[in-house]
Amino acid sequence: MICFKPKNEHINLELNLDMKLYYCGTGDCENNFSWGPGIKDHYKLHYIHSGHGIFKAGDTTYSVSKGEGFLICPNVVASYHPISEEAWNYSWVAFNGLHAESYLKRAHLTAEHPLFKSTDEDRMNACFQAIFDAINCEKSMDLKSLSAFYNLLSLIIEGSCSDNLEKNSSKPQDLYIKQAIEFIDTNYSRKITIQEIANYVGIDRKYLSKLFSNTLNISPQNYVVSFRLKKACDLLTSSNLSINEISNSIGYGDPFLFSNIFKKHYGMSPRTYRDRLENPND
């Protein structure tokens, strides 16, 4: 068992509130081994390298084997034990944090659905090994262990997305739209093209335009413009940034182009919009 305890004074104990690692380990479970029933006050993720076992959470019993994993959630009565003649070799990592639950939901891992399956066993093994190796890094143990753990989570999330696409291959449109909107939300402040968005989502540009039109009744181009202008309105309302600074902040390098687009949508210039907010009775 390895505990994530800072080894030097340079590590800030208040860091990583987003995700805090507790302990980790790897080993074999013989047939006479069992854990529980009991509860944890944190999350504990297990991954099976070989063998076969039983995991019980609440009133539900699951069978788990090589290439699969299970999650013990806080305050859920759980137990597990091997059932095969072959030694049950597995690794585990315990954690918690402000956003632990939301990250796990992205992997579709909850108390009601605590199982996952790896689509790449070699990468999964490498992620756990990277977590173990990080313990030996005295000055950067917290950063390296978290980096390795986030890689582990991302691998599980990607695998869960693939499973969902296979199960819902008849209608993945909602996922494409969601991914496109997420890309716009994180990249609107720079110059982006519709082709970039389509490449990120992994679909044809024309198909992306069709999805936006059919689902949101707006083209991707107009969605980007509308998104940027809403951000501009927020900045005009809540900041003292100049029009030029706002223009650059929302992805328009040319403030004159920004002003023209703004006026076309709102019937007034950005400066007039701000003045009316500041002087509503004028």
Protein backbone atom coordinates (compact mmCIF):
# COMPACT_ATOMS: atom_id res chain seq x y z
CA MET A 1 0.00 0.00 0.00
CA ILE A 2 1.37 3.41 -0.98
CA CYS A 3 0.14 6.63 0.61
CA PHE A 4 0.30 9.98 -1.17
CA LYS A 5 2.08 11.94 1.53
CA PRO A 6 4.14 15.02 0.55
CA LYS A 7 7.86 14.44 1.17
CA ASN A 8 9.14 17.99 1.30
CA GLU A 9 8.18 21.49 2.31
CA HIS A 10 7.81 22.71 -1.29
CA ILE A 11 4.52 20.87 -1.77
CA ASN A 12 1.48 22.99 -0.97
CA LEU A 13 -0.97 20.96 1.09
CA GLU A 14 -3.84 23.17 -0.09
CA LEU A 15 -3.24 22.33 -3.73
CA ASN A 16 -5.27 19.73 -5.61
CA LEU A 17 -8.59 20.35 -3.88
CA ASP A 18 -10.03 19.57 -7.30
CA MET A 19 -8.74 16.01 -6.93
CA LYS A 20 -6.90 14.58 -3.92
CA LEU A 21 -5.21 11.19 -4.06
CA TYR A 22 -5.26 9.13 -0.85
CA TYR A 23 -3.40 5.87 -1.50
CA CYS A 24 -2.79 3.28 -4.18
CA GLY A 25 -1.45 -0.22 -4.57
CA THR A 26 -1.26 -3.41 -6.60
CA GLY A 27 -1.10 -7.08 -5.73
CA ASP A 28 -2.60 -10.56 -5.80
CA CYS A 29 -5.72 -11.73 -4.01
CA GLU A 30 -5.78 -15.39 -3.05
CA ASN A 31 -9.05 -17.31 -2.90
CA ASN A 32 -9.30 -16.88 0.86
CA PHE A 33 -9.07 -13.06 0.61
CA SER A 34 -12.11 -10.80 0.88
CA TRP A 35 -12.87 -7.22 1.79
CA GLY A 36 -16.09 -6.02 3.37
CA PRO A 37 -18.88 -5.55 3.66
CA GLY A 38 -17.96 -2.02 4.69
CA ILE A 39 -17.93 1.59 3.52
CA LYS A 40 -15.33 4.15 2.49
CA ASP A 41 -15.54 7.91 2.97
CA HIS A 42 -13.85 8.38 -0.42
CA TYR A 43 -13.78 6.83 -3.90
CA LYS A 44 -11.68 3.75 -4.60
CA LEU A 45 -11.10 2.59 -8.17
CA HIS A 46 -10.04 -1.02 -8.83
CA TYR A 47 -8.76 -2.55 -12.07
CA ILE A 48 -8.40 -6.30 -12.68
CA HIS A 49 -5.18 -7.42 -14.43
CA SER A 50 -5.96 -11.13 -14.22
CA GLY A 51 -8.36 -13.53 -12.56
CA HIS A 52 -12.03 -13.32 -11.77
CA GLY A 53 -14.01 -12.06 -8.80
CA ILE A 54 -17.24 -10.82 -7.30
CA PHE A 55 -18.00 -7.22 -6.39
CA LYS A 56 -21.09 -6.26 -4.43
CA ALA A 57 -22.32 -2.68 -3.98
CA GLY A 58 -25.50 -2.12 -2.04
CA ASP A 59 -27.91 -4.89 -3.00
CA THR A 60 -26.36 -5.56 -6.42
CA THR A 61 -23.75 -8.23 -7.15
CA TYR A 62 -21.40 -8.01 -10.14
CA SER A 63 -18.99 -10.43 -11.77
CA VAL A 64 -15.65 -8.82 -12.75
CA SER A 65 -12.67 -10.22 -14.60
CA LYS A 66 -9.49 -9.29 -16.51
CA GLY A 67 -9.68 -5.94 -18.29
CA GLU A 68 -12.58 -4.75 -16.14
CA GLY A 69 -12.80 -2.53 -13.10
CA PHE A 70 -15.15 -1.35 -10.39
CA LEU A 71 -15.66 1.75 -8.29
CA ILE A 72 -16.45 1.90 -4.58
CA CYS A 73 -18.34 5.13 -3.91
CA PRO A 74 -18.40 7.00 -0.59
CA ASN A 75 -20.84 5.66 2.01
CA VAL A 76 -21.96 2.73 -0.15
CA VAL A 77 -21.74 -0.65 1.56
CA ALA A 78 -19.47 -2.77 -0.62
CA SER A 79 -17.47 -6.00 -0.64
CA TYR A 80 -15.34 -7.98 -3.08
CA HIS A 81 -13.45 -11.26 -3.30
CA PRO A 82 -11.84 -13.51 -5.95
CA ILE A 83 -13.56 -16.71 -7.08
CA SER A 84 -11.17 -18.19 -9.65
CA GLU A 85 -8.35 -20.67 -9.09
CA GLU A 86 -6.02 -18.18 -10.74
CA ALA A 87 -4.79 -15.43 -8.40
CA TRP A 88 -6.80 -12.24 -8.79
CA ASN A 89 -4.21 -9.58 -9.63
CA TYR A 90 -5.49 -6.04 -9.43
CA SER A 91 -4.48 -2.41 -8.83
CA TRP A 92 -6.33 0.31 -6.98
CA VAL A 93 -6.23 4.01 -6.28
CA ALA A 94 -8.25 5.92 -3.68
CA PHE A 95 -9.22 9.56 -4.13
CA ASN A 96 -11.72 12.32 -3.54
CA GLY A 97 -12.10 15.99 -4.39
CA LEU A 98 -14.44 18.82 -5.30
CA HIS A 99 -14.87 17.58 -8.87
CA ALA A 100 -14.29 13.85 -8.37
CA GLU A 101 -17.98 13.03 -8.85
CA SER A 102 -18.33 15.11 -12.02
CA TYR A 103 -15.21 13.52 -13.58
CA LEU A 104 -16.51 10.06 -12.78
CA LYS A 105 -19.89 10.88 -14.31
CA ARG A 106 -18.11 11.70 -17.56
CA ALA A 107 -16.90 8.11 -17.46
CA HIS A 108 -20.48 7.03 -16.64
CA LEU A 109 -19.29 5.75 -13.26
CA THR A 110 -21.77 6.21 -10.41
CA ALA A 111 -22.99 4.28 -7.37
CA GLU A 112 -25.72 2.81 -9.60
CA HIS A 113 -23.28 1.96 -12.43
CA PRO A 114 -19.92 1.17 -10.79
CA LEU A 115 -18.31 -1.01 -13.51
CA PHE A 116 -16.06 -0.09 -16.43
CA LYS A 117 -14.19 -2.00 -19.12
CA SER A 118 -10.80 -1.07 -20.53
CA THR A 119 -10.43 -0.77 -24.30
CA ASP A 120 -6.62 -0.74 -24.02
CA GLU A 121 -5.20 -2.94 -21.28
CA ASP A 122 -1.58 -1.98 -22.00
CA ARG A 123 -2.31 1.73 -21.58
CA MET A 124 -4.34 1.08 -18.46
CA ASN A 125 -1.44 -0.87 -16.93
CA ALA A 126 0.96 1.93 -17.92
CA CYS A 127 -1.24 4.55 -16.24
CA PHE A 128 -1.22 2.67 -12.95
CA GLN A 129 2.53 2.13 -13.20
CA ALA A 130 3.02 5.86 -13.76
CA ILE A 131 1.05 6.56 -10.58
CA PHE A 132 3.26 4.14 -8.63
CA ASP A 133 6.46 5.57 -10.15
CA ALA A 134 5.45 9.12 -9.21
CA ILE A 135 5.83 8.25 -5.53
CA ASN A 136 9.61 8.27 -5.97
CA CYS A 137 9.67 11.86 -7.25
CA GLU A 138 10.41 13.76 -4.07
CA LYS A 139 9.92 17.32 -5.31
CA SER A 140 7.08 16.76 -7.76
CA MET A 141 5.31 13.68 -6.44
CA ASP A 142 1.94 15.45 -6.12
CA LEU A 143 2.03 16.84 -9.67
CA LYS A 144 3.27 13.64 -11.34
CA SER A 145 0.88 11.37 -9.47
CA LEU A 146 -2.09 13.62 -10.31
CA SER A 147 -0.99 13.83 -13.94
CA ALA A 148 -0.84 10.04 -14.14
CA PHE A 149 -4.21 9.73 -12.41
CA TYR A 150 -5.85 12.20 -14.81
CA ASN A 151 -4.44 10.15 -17.69
CA LEU A 152 -6.05 7.09 -16.12
CA LEU A 153 -9.41 8.85 -15.83
CA SER A 154 -9.21 10.15 -19.39
CA LEU A 155 -8.55 6.63 -20.66
CA ILE A 156 -11.65 5.33 -18.84
CA ILE A 157 -13.71 8.28 -20.11
CA GLU A 158 -12.62 7.69 -23.72
CA GLY A 159 -13.46 4.03 -23.39
CA SER A 160 -16.90 4.81 -21.98
CA CYS A 161 -17.57 7.23 -24.85
CA SER A 162 -16.71 4.49 -27.36
CA ASP A 163 -19.07 2.10 -25.59
CA ASN A 164 -21.87 4.66 -25.67
CA LEU A 165 -21.37 5.35 -29.36
CA GLU A 166 -21.61 1.64 -30.09
CA LYS A 167 -24.75 1.31 -27.99
CA ASN A 168 -26.31 4.42 -29.48
CA SER A 169 -24.82 4.36 -32.97
CA SER A 170 -28.24 5.00 -34.49
CA LYS A 171 -28.29 8.55 -33.11
CA PRO A 172 -24.93 10.07 -32.02
CA GLN A 173 -26.00 13.55 -33.18
CA ASP A 174 -26.50 14.90 -29.68
CA LEU A 175 -22.95 13.90 -28.76
CA TYR A 176 -21.54 15.62 -31.87
CA ILE A 177 -23.41 18.82 -31.05
CA LYS A 178 -22.25 18.70 -27.44
CA GLN A 179 -18.62 18.24 -28.47
CA ALA A 180 -18.85 21.08 -30.99
CA ILE A 181 -20.31 23.44 -28.39
CA GLU A 182 -17.60 22.46 -25.90
CA PHE A 183 -14.95 23.26 -28.53
CA ILE A 184 -16.50 26.67 -29.21
CA ASP A 185 -16.77 27.40 -25.49
CA THR A 186 -13.05 26.80 -24.96
CA ASN A 187 -11.77 28.33 -28.22
CA TYR A 188 -14.05 31.31 -29.00
CA SER A 189 -11.37 33.77 -27.85
CA ARG A 190 -9.19 32.96 -30.85
CA LYS A 191 -9.75 32.70 -34.57
CA ILE A 192 -11.45 29.38 -35.31
CA THR A 193 -12.95 27.85 -38.43
CA ILE A 194 -15.90 25.53 -38.89
CA GLN A 195 -13.48 23.00 -40.37
CA GLU A 196 -11.53 23.02 -37.09
CA ILE A 197 -14.71 22.30 -35.16
CA ALA A 198 -15.62 19.47 -37.54
CA ASN A 199 -12.12 18.00 -37.23
CA TYR A 200 -12.35 18.12 -33.44
CA VAL A 201 -15.72 16.35 -33.44
CA GLY A 202 -14.52 13.90 -36.09
CA ILE A 203 -17.21 14.43 -38.71
CA ASP A 204 -17.53 16.09 -42.13
CA ARG A 205 -17.94 19.88 -42.20
CA LYS A 206 -21.15 19.68 -44.22
CA TYR A 207 -22.59 17.10 -41.83
CA LEU A 208 -21.76 19.35 -38.88
CA SER A 209 -23.63 22.23 -40.54
CA LYS A 210 -26.60 19.98 -41.17
CA LEU A 211 -26.65 18.84 -37.53
CA PHE A 212 -26.62 22.43 -36.24
CA SER A 213 -29.40 23.44 -38.62
CA ASN A 214 -31.59 20.44 -37.80
CA THR A 215 -30.94 20.46 -34.03
CA LEU A 216 -30.43 24.11 -33.09
CA ASN A 217 -32.00 25.87 -36.09
CA ILE A 218 -28.79 27.84 -36.60
CA SER A 219 -25.63 27.37 -38.66
CA PRO A 220 -22.30 26.71 -36.89
CA GLN A 221 -21.02 30.08 -38.16
CA ASN A 222 -23.94 31.96 -36.67
CA TYR A 223 -23.72 29.99 -33.44
CA VAL A 224 -20.09 31.07 -33.02
CA VAL A 225 -21.03 34.70 -33.74
CA SER A 226 -23.93 34.57 -31.27
CA PHE A 227 -21.76 32.94 -28.62
CA ARG A 228 -19.06 35.59 -28.98
CA LEU A 229 -21.53 38.46 -28.88
CA LYS A 230 -23.07 37.14 -25.66
CA LYS A 231 -19.59 37.09 -24.16
CA ALA A 232 -19.09 40.64 -25.42
CA CYS A 233 -22.29 41.76 -23.71
CA ASP A 234 -21.10 40.22 -20.47
CA LEU A 235 -17.79 42.08 -20.72
CA LEU A 236 -19.49 45.35 -21.65
CA THR A 237 -21.67 44.96 -18.58
CA SER A 238 -19.20 43.69 -16.01
CA SER A 239 -15.80 45.11 -16.99
CA ASN A 240 -14.02 48.34 -17.85
CA LEU A 241 -12.28 46.85 -20.85
CA SER A 242 -12.08 49.01 -23.94
CA ILE A 243 -13.95 48.05 -27.11
CA ASN A 244 -10.64 47.04 -28.67
CA GLU A 245 -9.78 44.84 -25.67
CA ILE A 246 -13.20 43.20 -25.72
CA SER A 247 -12.89 42.59 -29.45
CA ASN A 248 -9.57 40.78 -28.96
CA SER A 249 -10.93 38.86 -25.97
CA ILE A 250 -13.75 37.24 -27.94
CA GLY A 251 -11.81 36.30 -31.05
CA TYR A 252 -12.15 39.37 -33.27
CA GLY A 253 -8.76 40.88 -34.04
CA ASP A 254 -10.41 43.78 -35.87
CA PRO A 255 -12.45 46.03 -33.54
CA PHE A 256 -14.23 47.63 -36.51
CA LEU A 257 -15.42 44.22 -37.70
CA PHE A 258 -16.57 43.44 -34.17
CA SER A 259 -18.48 46.74 -33.90
CA ASN A 260 -20.19 46.17 -37.26
CA ILE A 261 -21.25 42.61 -36.33
CA PHE A 262 -22.44 43.79 -32.91
CA LYS A 263 -24.48 46.61 -34.42
CA LYS A 264 -26.00 44.26 -36.99
CA HIS A 265 -27.24 41.96 -34.21
CA TYR A 266 -28.26 44.47 -31.54
CA GLY A 267 -29.07 47.56 -33.57
CA MET A 268 -26.47 49.67 -31.77
CA SER A 269 -22.70 49.85 -31.39
CA PRO A 270 -20.93 48.25 -28.42
CA ARG A 271 -20.18 51.72 -27.04
CA THR A 272 -23.83 52.74 -27.22
CA TYR A 273 -24.84 49.44 -25.60
CA ARG A 274 -22.53 50.15 -22.68
CA ASP A 275 -23.64 53.79 -22.38
CA ARG A 276 -27.31 52.77 -22.17
CA LEU A 277 -26.51 50.29 -19.41
CA GLU A 278 -24.64 52.95 -17.47
CA ASN A 279 -27.24 55.66 -18.11
CA PRO A 280 -30.60 53.89 -18.54
CA ASN A 281 -32.63 57.09 -18.16
CA ASP A 282 -30.80 59.07 -20.85
